[in-house]
């Protein structure tokens, strides 16, 4: 025997489309000053931004010659955390090193 399906037997299950937005990214910029040593800048780039010695040296030279250099691109909270860490390290070492962020 075959059974006939009626509209009462059919259940439609709706699914909501969930869209996950990727977070906005921000560039962390390091600014040149007349007091912070090049060696300290390289150390910070290696420790905080996990740059290789070669990349850290290249970024440091960019900061020195152009006034600013891009340390990396991160979501807002991570960028702010890295900037705070750089500022804390610089103050502890007695340097006025400054970082800022800019929307990528």
PDB file of N, CA and C in Angstrom:
ATOM      1  N   UNK A   1       0.812  -1.173   0.000  1.00  0.00           N
ATOM      2  CA  UNK A   1       0.000   0.000   0.000  1.00  0.00           C
ATOM      3  C   UNK A   1       0.869   1.256   0.000  1.00  0.00           C
ATOM      4  N   UNK A   2       0.517   2.175  -0.813  1.00  0.00           N
ATOM      5  CA  UNK A   2       1.257   3.429  -0.808  1.00  0.00           C
ATOM      6  C   UNK A   2       0.469   4.473  -0.039  1.00  0.00           C
ATOM      7  N   UNK A   3       1.219   5.305   0.631  1.00  0.00           N
ATOM      8  CA  UNK A   3       0.556   6.334   1.402  1.00  0.00           C
ATOM      9  C   UNK A   3       0.719   7.666   0.687  1.00  0.00           C
ATOM     10  N   UNK A   4      -0.313   8.402   0.698  1.00  0.00           N
ATOM     11  CA  UNK A   4      -0.289   9.711   0.091  1.00  0.00           C
ATOM     12  C   UNK A   4       0.079  10.738   1.151  1.00  0.00           C
ATOM     13  N   UNK A   5       1.036  11.612   0.824  1.00  0.00           N
ATOM     14  CA  UNK A   5       1.432  12.643   1.779  1.00  0.00           C
ATOM     15  C   UNK A   5       0.535  13.859   1.608  1.00  0.00           C
ATOM     16  N   UNK A   6       0.095  14.337   2.690  1.00  0.00           N
ATOM     17  CA  UNK A   6      -0.721  15.545   2.662  1.00  0.00           C
ATOM     18  C   UNK A   6       0.122  16.710   3.139  1.00  0.00           C
ATOM     19  N   UNK A   7      -0.417  17.887   2.986  1.00  0.00           N
ATOM     20  CA  UNK A   7       0.337  19.072   3.397  1.00  0.00           C
ATOM     21  C   UNK A   7       0.570  19.080   4.904  1.00  0.00           C
ATOM     22  N   UNK A   8      -0.209  18.363   5.630  1.00  0.00           N
ATOM     23  CA  UNK A   8      -0.034  18.288   7.077  1.00  0.00           C
ATOM     24  C   UNK A   8       1.169  17.423   7.449  1.00  0.00           C
ATOM     25  N   UNK A   9       1.559  16.533   6.575  1.00  0.00           N
ATOM     26  CA  UNK A   9       2.684  15.642   6.848  1.00  0.00           C
ATOM     27  C   UNK A   9       4.035  16.283   6.528  1.00  0.00           C
ATOM     28  N   UNK A  10       4.019  17.325   5.756  1.00  0.00           N
ATOM     29  CA  UNK A  10       5.261  17.954   5.325  1.00  0.00           C
ATOM     30  C   UNK A  10       5.603  19.104   6.265  1.00  0.00           C
ATOM     31  N   UNK A  11       6.791  19.049   6.802  1.00  0.00           N
ATOM     32  CA  UNK A  11       7.261  20.085   7.710  1.00  0.00           C
ATOM     33  C   UNK A  11       8.436  20.796   7.040  1.00  0.00           C
ATOM     34  N   UNK A  12       8.322  22.065   6.971  1.00  0.00           N
ATOM     35  CA  UNK A  12       9.396  22.856   6.379  1.00  0.00           C
ATOM     36  C   UNK A  12      10.225  23.441   7.508  1.00  0.00           C
ATOM     37  N   UNK A  13      11.486  23.207   7.393  1.00  0.00           N
ATOM     38  CA  UNK A  13      12.396  23.719   8.416  1.00  0.00           C
ATOM     39  C   UNK A  13      13.169  24.880   7.802  1.00  0.00           C
ATOM     40  N   UNK A  14      13.009  26.035   8.395  1.00  0.00           N
ATOM     41  CA  UNK A  14      13.704  27.219   7.894  1.00  0.00           C
ATOM     42  C   UNK A  14      15.014  27.398   8.648  1.00  0.00           C
ATOM     43  N   UNK A  15      15.997  27.840   7.915  1.00  0.00           N
ATOM     44  CA  UNK A  15      17.292  28.126   8.527  1.00  0.00           C
ATOM     45  C   UNK A  15      17.602  29.602   8.313  1.00  0.00           C
ATOM     46  N   UNK A  16      18.075  30.203   9.344  1.00  0.00           N
ATOM     47  CA  UNK A  16      18.503  31.588   9.237  1.00  0.00           C
ATOM     48  C   UNK A  16      19.918  31.612   8.695  1.00  0.00           C
ATOM     49  N   UNK A  17      20.132  32.508   7.790  1.00  0.00           N
ATOM     50  CA  UNK A  17      21.488  32.682   7.272  1.00  0.00           C
ATOM     51  C   UNK A  17      22.270  33.520   8.286  1.00  0.00           C
ATOM     52  N   UNK A  18      23.330  32.958   8.770  1.00  0.00           N
ATOM     53  CA  UNK A  18      24.170  33.657   9.737  1.00  0.00           C
ATOM     54  C   UNK A  18      25.406  34.151   9.000  1.00  0.00           C
ATOM     55  N   UNK A  19      25.598  35.429   9.046  1.00  0.00           N
ATOM     56  CA  UNK A  19      26.770  36.013   8.393  1.00  0.00           C
ATOM     57  C   UNK A  19      27.743  36.474   9.474  1.00  0.00           C
ATOM     58  N   UNK A  20      28.944  36.028   9.331  1.00  0.00           N
ATOM     59  CA  UNK A  20      29.977  36.424  10.274  1.00  0.00           C
ATOM     60  C   UNK A  20      30.855  37.438   9.563  1.00  0.00           C
ATOM     61  N   UNK A  21      30.891  38.626  10.100  1.00  0.00           N
ATOM     62  CA  UNK A  21      31.707  39.680   9.503  1.00  0.00           C
ATOM     63  C   UNK A  21      33.136  39.577  10.027  1.00  0.00           C
ATOM     64  N   UNK A  22      34.069  39.741   9.132  1.00  0.00           N
ATOM     65  CA  UNK A  22      35.461  39.746   9.573  1.00  0.00           C
ATOM     66  C   UNK A  22      35.734  41.093  10.244  1.00  0.00           C
ATOM     67  N   UNK A  23      36.539  41.098  11.287  1.00  0.00           N
ATOM     68  CA  UNK A  23      36.783  42.358  12.002  1.00  0.00           C
ATOM     69  C   UNK A  23      37.601  43.323  11.139  1.00  0.00           C
ATOM     70  N   UNK A  24      37.391  44.600  11.375  1.00  0.00           N
ATOM     71  CA  UNK A  24      38.183  45.617  10.680  1.00  0.00           C
ATOM     72  C   UNK A  24      39.637  45.482  11.121  1.00  0.00           C
ATOM     73  N   UNK A  25      40.527  45.738  10.197  1.00  0.00           N
ATOM     74  CA  UNK A  25      41.949  45.630  10.505  1.00  0.00           C
ATOM     75  C   UNK A  25      42.578  47.013  10.608  1.00  0.00           C
ATOM     76  N   UNK A  26      43.590  47.095  11.461  1.00  0.00           N
ATOM     77  CA  UNK A  26      44.290  48.353  11.706  1.00  0.00           C
ATOM     78  C   UNK A  26      45.790  48.135  11.598  1.00  0.00           C
ATOM     79  N   UNK A  27      46.464  49.100  10.974  1.00  0.00           N
ATOM     80  CA  UNK A  27      47.925  49.068  10.888  1.00  0.00           C
ATOM     81  C   UNK A  27      48.495  49.681  12.159  1.00  0.00           C
ATOM     82  N   UNK A  28      49.501  49.035  12.711  1.00  0.00           N
ATOM     83  CA  UNK A  28      50.229  49.608  13.836  1.00  0.00           C
ATOM     84  C   UNK A  28      51.444  50.321  13.249  1.00  0.00           C
ATOM     85  N   UNK A  29      51.524  51.622  13.509  1.00  0.00           N
ATOM     86  CA  UNK A  29      52.631  52.436  13.008  1.00  0.00           C
ATOM     87  C   UNK A  29      53.561  52.786  14.159  1.00  0.00           C
ATOM     88  N   UNK A  30      54.854  52.695  13.909  1.00  0.00           N
ATOM     89  CA  UNK A  30      55.848  53.112  14.892  1.00  0.00           C
ATOM     90  C   UNK A  30      56.470  54.400  14.363  1.00  0.00           C
ATOM     91  N   UNK A  31      56.644  55.378  15.265  1.00  0.00           N
ATOM     92  CA  UNK A  31      57.122  56.705  14.874  1.00  0.00           C
ATOM     93  C   UNK A  31      58.575  56.923  15.296  1.00  0.00           C
ATOM     94  N   UNK A  32      59.278  57.627  14.460  1.00  0.00           N
ATOM     95  CA  UNK A  32      60.671  57.956  14.735  1.00  0.00           C
ATOM     96  C   UNK A  32      60.768  59.046  15.803  1.00  0.00           C
ATOM     97  N   UNK A  33      61.807  58.999  16.599  1.00  0.00           N
ATOM     98  CA  UNK A  33      62.126  60.073  17.534  1.00  0.00           C
ATOM     99  C   UNK A  33      63.643  60.192  17.601  1.00  0.00           C
ATOM    100  N   UNK A  34      64.112  61.214  18.266  1.00  0.00           N
ATOM    101  CA  UNK A  34      65.554  61.468  18.320  1.00  0.00           C
ATOM    102  C   UNK A  34      66.266  60.785  19.480  1.00  0.00           C
ATOM    103  N   UNK A  35      65.550  59.980  20.262  1.00  0.00           N
ATOM    104  CA  UNK A  35      66.141  59.421  21.485  1.00  0.00           C
ATOM    105  C   UNK A  35      66.187  57.900  21.525  1.00  0.00           C
ATOM    106  N   UNK A  36      65.162  57.243  20.990  1.00  0.00           N
ATOM    107  CA  UNK A  36      65.104  55.780  21.046  1.00  0.00           C
ATOM    108  C   UNK A  36      66.175  55.193  20.142  1.00  0.00           C
ATOM    109  N   UNK A  37      66.924  54.234  20.674  1.00  0.00           N
ATOM    110  CA  UNK A  37      68.008  53.638  19.882  1.00  0.00           C
ATOM    111  C   UNK A  37      67.452  52.680  18.827  1.00  0.00           C
ATOM    112  N   UNK A  38      68.201  52.551  17.770  1.00  0.00           N
ATOM    113  CA  UNK A  38      67.814  51.633  16.694  1.00  0.00           C
ATOM    114  C   UNK A  38      67.765  50.198  17.209  1.00  0.00           C
ATOM    115  N   UNK A  39      68.686  49.860  18.093  1.00  0.00           N
ATOM    116  CA  UNK A  39      68.729  48.504  18.641  1.00  0.00           C
ATOM    117  C   UNK A  39      67.463  48.196  19.444  1.00  0.00           C
ATOM    118  N   UNK A  40      67.006  49.196  20.215  1.00  0.00           N
ATOM    119  CA  UNK A  40      65.786  48.991  20.997  1.00  0.00           C
ATOM    120  C   UNK A  40      64.582  48.791  20.080  1.00  0.00           C
ATOM    121  N   UNK A  41      64.498  49.571  19.010  1.00  0.00           N
ATOM    122  CA  UNK A  41      63.393  49.435  18.047  1.00  0.00           C
ATOM    123  C   UNK A  41      63.403  48.039  17.437  1.00  0.00           C
ATOM    124  N   UNK A  42      64.569  47.556  17.043  1.00  0.00           N
ATOM    125  CA  UNK A  42      64.677  46.201  16.477  1.00  0.00           C
ATOM    126  C   UNK A  42      64.235  45.160  17.507  1.00  0.00           C
ATOM    127  N   UNK A  43      64.679  45.316  18.743  1.00  0.00           N
ATOM    128  CA  UNK A  43      64.279  44.371  19.803  1.00  0.00           C
ATOM    129  C   UNK A  43      62.762  44.354  19.991  1.00  0.00           C
ATOM    130  N   UNK A  44      62.133  45.534  19.988  1.00  0.00           N
ATOM    131  CA  UNK A  44      60.678  45.619  20.149  1.00  0.00           C
ATOM    132  C   UNK A  44      59.967  44.956  18.973  1.00  0.00           C
ATOM    133  N   UNK A  45      60.442  45.213  17.776  1.00  0.00           N
ATOM    134  CA  UNK A  45      59.822  44.608  16.589  1.00  0.00           C
ATOM    135  C   UNK A  45      59.915  43.083  16.636  1.00  0.00           C
ATOM    136  N   UNK A  46      61.026  42.567  17.121  1.00  0.00           N
ATOM    137  CA  UNK A  46      61.189  41.115  17.224  1.00  0.00           C
ATOM    138  C   UNK A  46      60.320  40.536  18.335  1.00  0.00           C
ATOM    139  N   UNK A  47      60.298  41.201  19.494  1.00  0.00           N
ATOM    140  CA  UNK A  47      59.595  40.658  20.651  1.00  0.00           C
ATOM    141  C   UNK A  47      58.083  40.844  20.582  1.00  0.00           C
ATOM    142  N   UNK A  48      57.630  42.033  20.272  1.00  0.00           N
ATOM    143  CA  UNK A  48      56.194  42.324  20.304  1.00  0.00           C
ATOM    144  C   UNK A  48      55.500  41.908  19.006  1.00  0.00           C
ATOM    145  N   UNK A  49      56.153  42.153  17.878  1.00  0.00           N
ATOM    146  CA  UNK A  49      55.515  41.902  16.586  1.00  0.00           C
ATOM    147  C   UNK A  49      56.018  40.624  15.910  1.00  0.00           C
ATOM    148  N   UNK A  50      56.911  39.901  16.580  1.00  0.00           N
ATOM    149  CA  UNK A  50      57.422  38.609  16.109  1.00  0.00           C
ATOM    150  C   UNK A  50      58.037  38.695  14.712  1.00  0.00           C
ATOM    151  N   UNK A  51      58.787  39.771  14.475  1.00  0.00           N
ATOM    152  CA  UNK A  51      59.473  39.943  13.196  1.00  0.00           C
ATOM    153  C   UNK A  51      60.814  39.231  13.247  1.00  0.00           C
ATOM    154  N   UNK A  52      61.242  38.755  12.097  1.00  0.00           N
ATOM    155  CA  UNK A  52      62.572  38.157  12.007  1.00  0.00           C
ATOM    156  C   UNK A  52      63.594  39.284  12.153  1.00  0.00           C
ATOM    157  N   UNK A  53      64.823  38.956  12.510  1.00  0.00           N
ATOM    158  CA  UNK A  53      65.839  40.011  12.619  1.00  0.00           C
ATOM    159  C   UNK A  53      65.977  40.836  11.335  1.00  0.00           C
ATOM    160  N   UNK A  54      65.889  40.185  10.193  1.00  0.00           N
ATOM    161  CA  UNK A  54      66.005  40.896   8.916  1.00  0.00           C
ATOM    162  C   UNK A  54      64.839  41.851   8.713  1.00  0.00           C
ATOM    163  N   UNK A  55      63.615  41.374   8.944  1.00  0.00           N
ATOM    164  CA  UNK A  55      62.437  42.234   8.789  1.00  0.00           C
ATOM    165  C   UNK A  55      62.440  43.371   9.806  1.00  0.00           C
ATOM    166  N   UNK A  56      62.833  43.063  11.031  1.00  0.00           N
ATOM    167  CA  UNK A  56      62.878  44.089  12.073  1.00  0.00           C
ATOM    168  C   UNK A  56      63.865  45.191  11.696  1.00  0.00           C
ATOM    169  N   UNK A  57      65.009  44.804  11.163  1.00  0.00           N
ATOM    170  CA  UNK A  57      66.017  45.787  10.750  1.00  0.00           C
ATOM    171  C   UNK A  57      65.494  46.631   9.589  1.00  0.00           C
ATOM    172  N   UNK A  58      64.834  46.004   8.633  1.00  0.00           N
ATOM    173  CA  UNK A  58      64.274  46.722   7.476  1.00  0.00           C
ATOM    174  C   UNK A  58      63.216  47.731   7.927  1.00  0.00           C
ATOM    175  N   UNK A  59      62.319  47.320   8.828  1.00  0.00           N
ATOM    176  CA  UNK A  59      61.273  48.217   9.331  1.00  0.00           C
ATOM    177  C   UNK A  59      61.899  49.361  10.123  1.00  0.00           C
ATOM    178  N   UNK A  60      62.898  49.060  10.928  1.00  0.00           N
ATOM    179  CA  UNK A  60      63.581  50.091  11.714  1.00  0.00           C
ATOM    180  C   UNK A  60      64.194  51.142  10.791  1.00  0.00           C
ATOM    181  N   UNK A  61      64.822  50.717   9.702  1.00  0.00           N
ATOM    182  CA  UNK A  61      65.416  51.670   8.765  1.00  0.00           C
ATOM    183  C   UNK A  61      64.337  52.520   8.092  1.00  0.00           C
ATOM    184  N   UNK A  62      63.189  51.927   7.811  1.00  0.00           N
ATOM    185  CA  UNK A  62      62.057  52.675   7.241  1.00  0.00           C
ATOM    186  C   UNK A  62      61.576  53.740   8.238  1.00  0.00           C
ATOM    187  N   UNK A  63      61.447  53.350   9.497  1.00  0.00           N
ATOM    188  CA  UNK A  63      61.034  54.291  10.547  1.00  0.00           C
ATOM    189  C   UNK A  63      62.043  55.433  10.638  1.00  0.00           C
ATOM    190  N   UNK A  64      63.319  55.092  10.616  1.00  0.00           N
ATOM    191  CA  UNK A  64      64.392  56.087  10.741  1.00  0.00           C
ATOM    192  C   UNK A  64      64.410  57.057   9.559  1.00  0.00           C
ATOM    193  N   UNK A  65      64.226  56.532   8.349  1.00  0.00           N
ATOM    194  CA  UNK A  65      64.348  57.387   7.162  1.00  0.00           C
ATOM    195  C   UNK A  65      63.049  58.078   6.766  1.00  0.00           C
ATOM    196  N   UNK A  66      61.905  57.441   7.004  1.00  0.00           N
ATOM    197  CA  UNK A  66      60.625  58.007   6.551  1.00  0.00           C
ATOM    198  C   UNK A  66      59.784  58.599   7.678  1.00  0.00           C
ATOM    199  N   UNK A  67      60.170  58.366   8.921  1.00  0.00           N
ATOM    200  CA  UNK A  67      59.430  58.920  10.043  1.00  0.00           C
ATOM    201  C   UNK A  67      58.439  57.971  10.686  1.00  0.00           C
ATOM    202  N   UNK A  68      57.922  57.016   9.907  1.00  0.00           N
ATOM    203  CA  UNK A  68      57.032  55.977  10.441  1.00  0.00           C
ATOM    204  C   UNK A  68      57.269  54.681   9.676  1.00  0.00           C
ATOM    205  N   UNK A  69      56.868  53.596  10.310  1.00  0.00           N
ATOM    206  CA  UNK A  69      56.948  52.293   9.669  1.00  0.00           C
ATOM    207  C   UNK A  69      55.803  51.419  10.148  1.00  0.00           C
ATOM    208  N   UNK A  70      55.347  50.540   9.279  1.00  0.00           N
ATOM    209  CA  UNK A  70      54.243  49.642   9.617  1.00  0.00           C
ATOM    210  C   UNK A  70      54.806  48.397  10.287  1.00  0.00           C
ATOM    211  N   UNK A  71      54.335  48.151  11.513  1.00  0.00           N
ATOM    212  CA  UNK A  71      54.786  46.990  12.284  1.00  0.00           C
ATOM    213  C   UNK A  71      53.939  45.753  11.998  1.00  0.00           C
ATOM    214  N   UNK A  72      52.703  45.961  11.565  1.00  0.00           N
ATOM    215  CA  UNK A  72      51.806  44.852  11.282  1.00  0.00           C
ATOM    216  C   UNK A  72      50.376  45.345  11.176  1.00  0.00           C
ATOM    217  N   UNK A  73      49.485  44.437  10.764  1.00  0.00           N
ATOM    218  CA  UNK A  73      48.064  44.735  10.614  1.00  0.00           C
ATOM    219  C   UNK A  73      47.284  43.740  11.449  1.00  0.00           C
ATOM    220  N   UNK A  74      46.396  44.249  12.315  1.00  0.00           N
ATOM    221  CA  UNK A  74      45.707  43.416  13.300  1.00  0.00           C
ATOM    222  C   UNK A  74      44.284  43.913  13.531  1.00  0.00           C
ATOM    223  N   UNK A  75      43.422  43.053  14.094  1.00  0.00           N
ATOM    224  CA  UNK A  75      42.127  43.546  14.581  1.00  0.00           C
ATOM    225  C   UNK A  75      42.370  44.606  15.660  1.00  0.00           C
ATOM    226  N   UNK A  76      41.396  45.486  15.870  1.00  0.00           N
ATOM    227  CA  UNK A  76      41.549  46.654  16.740  1.00  0.00           C
ATOM    228  C   UNK A  76      42.082  46.307  18.131  1.00  0.00           C
ATOM    229  N   UNK A  77      41.488  45.336  18.815  1.00  0.00           N
ATOM    230  CA  UNK A  77      41.890  45.020  20.184  1.00  0.00           C
ATOM    231  C   UNK A  77      43.331  44.522  20.258  1.00  0.00           C
ATOM    232  N   UNK A  78      43.715  43.717  19.289  1.00  0.00           N
ATOM    233  CA  UNK A  78      45.088  43.200  19.270  1.00  0.00           C
ATOM    234  C   UNK A  78      46.068  44.336  18.996  1.00  0.00           C
ATOM    235  N   UNK A  79      45.714  45.221  18.064  1.00  0.00           N
ATOM    236  CA  UNK A  79      46.575  46.368  17.754  1.00  0.00           C
ATOM    237  C   UNK A  79      46.755  47.244  18.988  1.00  0.00           C
ATOM    238  N   UNK A  80      45.668  47.518  19.701  1.00  0.00           N
ATOM    239  CA  UNK A  80      45.763  48.340  20.914  1.00  0.00           C
ATOM    240  C   UNK A  80      46.629  47.678  21.988  1.00  0.00           C
ATOM    241  N   UNK A  81      46.500  46.369  22.123  1.00  0.00           N
ATOM    242  CA  UNK A  81      47.294  45.635  23.112  1.00  0.00           C
ATOM    243  C   UNK A  81      48.776  45.713  22.777  1.00  0.00           C
ATOM    244  N   UNK A  82      49.109  45.549  21.505  1.00  0.00           N
ATOM    245  CA  UNK A  82      50.512  45.610  21.090  1.00  0.00           C
ATOM    246  C   UNK A  82      51.079  47.019  21.304  1.00  0.00           C
ATOM    247  N   UNK A  83      50.291  48.029  20.995  1.00  0.00           N
ATOM    248  CA  UNK A  83      50.738  49.409  21.201  1.00  0.00           C
ATOM    249  C   UNK A  83      50.995  49.668  22.684  1.00  0.00           C
ATOM    250  N   UNK A  84      50.086  49.224  23.533  1.00  0.00           N
ATOM    251  CA  UNK A  84      50.265  49.414  24.980  1.00  0.00           C
ATOM    252  C   UNK A  84      51.526  48.706  25.460  1.00  0.00           C
ATOM    253  N   UNK A  85      51.788  47.525  24.927  1.00  0.00           N
ATOM    254  CA  UNK A  85      52.990  46.775  25.318  1.00  0.00           C
ATOM    255  C   UNK A  85      54.262  47.519  24.885  1.00  0.00           C
ATOM    256  N   UNK A  86      54.252  48.057  23.658  1.00  0.00           N
ATOM    257  CA  UNK A  86      55.408  48.822  23.176  1.00  0.00           C
ATOM    258  C   UNK A  86      55.633  50.038  24.061  1.00  0.00           C
ATOM    259  N   UNK A  87      54.564  50.767  24.358  1.00  0.00           N
ATOM    260  CA  UNK A  87      54.699  51.969  25.192  1.00  0.00           C
ATOM    261  C   UNK A  87      55.228  51.624  26.583  1.00  0.00           C
ATOM    262  N   UNK A  88      54.739  50.525  27.156  1.00  0.00           N
ATOM    263  CA  UNK A  88      55.200  50.100  28.486  1.00  0.00           C
ATOM    264  C   UNK A  88      56.684  49.747  28.444  1.00  0.00           C
ATOM    265  N   UNK A  89      57.102  48.967  27.438  1.00  0.00           N
ATOM    266  CA  UNK A  89      58.515  48.592  27.316  1.00  0.00           C
ATOM    267  C   UNK A  89      59.393  49.832  27.134  1.00  0.00           C
ATOM    268  N   UNK A  90      58.935  50.771  26.308  1.00  0.00           N
ATOM    269  CA  UNK A  90      59.719  51.974  26.035  1.00  0.00           C
ATOM    270  C   UNK A  90      59.860  52.826  27.296  1.00  0.00           C
ATOM    271  N   UNK A  91      58.787  52.986  28.033  1.00  0.00           N
ATOM    272  CA  UNK A  91      58.853  53.805  29.259  1.00  0.00           C
ATOM    273  C   UNK A  91      59.772  53.165  30.289  1.00  0.00           C
ATOM    274  N   UNK A  92      59.698  51.838  30.397  1.00  0.00           N
ATOM    275  CA  UNK A  92      60.567  51.133  31.353  1.00  0.00           C
ATOM    276  C   UNK A  92      62.038  51.287  30.979  1.00  0.00           C
ATOM    277  N   UNK A  93      62.308  51.391  29.671  1.00  0.00           N
ATOM    278  CA  UNK A  93      63.686  51.547  29.208  1.00  0.00           C
ATOM    279  C   UNK A  93      64.093  53.018  29.131  1.00  0.00           C
ATOM    280  N   UNK A  94      63.148  53.920  29.408  1.00  0.00           N
ATOM    281  CA  UNK A  94      63.457  55.340  29.391  1.00  0.00           C
ATOM    282  C   UNK A  94      63.418  55.987  28.018  1.00  0.00           C
ATOM    283  N   UNK A  95      62.683  55.409  27.083  1.00  0.00           N
ATOM    284  CA  UNK A  95      62.589  55.954  25.730  1.00  0.00           C
ATOM    285  C   UNK A  95      61.184  56.503  25.471  1.00  0.00           C
ATOM    286  N   UNK A  96      61.090  57.534  24.609  1.00  0.00           N
ATOM    287  CA  UNK A  96      59.785  58.108  24.279  1.00  0.00           C
ATOM    288  C   UNK A  96      59.132  57.469  23.043  1.00  0.00           C
ATOM    289  N   UNK A  97      59.518  56.264  22.698  1.00  0.00           N
ATOM    290  CA  UNK A  97      59.012  55.588  21.501  1.00  0.00           C
ATOM    291  C   UNK A  97      57.492  55.610  21.490  1.00  0.00           C
ATOM    292  N   UNK A  98      56.919  55.915  20.315  1.00  0.00           N
ATOM    293  CA  UNK A  98      55.478  56.040  20.198  1.00  0.00           C
ATOM    294  C   UNK A  98      54.963  55.234  19.024  1.00  0.00           C
ATOM    295  N   UNK A  99      53.820  54.597  19.234  1.00  0.00           N
ATOM    296  CA  UNK A  99      53.108  53.869  18.179  1.00  0.00           C
ATOM    297  C   UNK A  99      51.704  54.436  18.078  1.00  0.00           C
ATOM    298  N   UNK A 100      51.103  54.256  16.929  1.00  0.00           N
ATOM    299  CA  UNK A 100      49.709  54.643  16.731  1.00  0.00           C
ATOM    300  C   UNK A 100      49.068  53.614  15.813  1.00  0.00           C
ATOM    301  N   UNK A 101      47.739  53.729  15.647  1.00  0.00           N
ATOM    302  CA  UNK A 101      47.092  52.823  14.703  1.00  0.00           C
ATOM    303  C   UNK A 101      46.303  53.609  13.688  1.00  0.00           C
ATOM    304  N   UNK A 102      46.141  52.972  12.545  1.00  0.00           N
ATOM    305  CA  UNK A 102      45.471  53.584  11.406  1.00  0.00           C
ATOM    306  C   UNK A 102      44.653  52.491  10.735  1.00  0.00           C
ATOM    307  N   UNK A 103      43.438  52.810  10.343  1.00  0.00           N
ATOM    308  CA  UNK A 103      42.605  51.797   9.696  1.00  0.00           C
ATOM    309  C   UNK A 103      43.251  51.343   8.402  1.00  0.00           C
ATOM    310  N   UNK A 104      43.295  50.043   8.210  1.00  0.00           N
ATOM    311  CA  UNK A 104      43.958  49.478   7.018  1.00  0.00           C
ATOM    312  C   UNK A 104      43.055  49.572   5.805  1.00  0.00           C
TER     313      UNK A 104
END
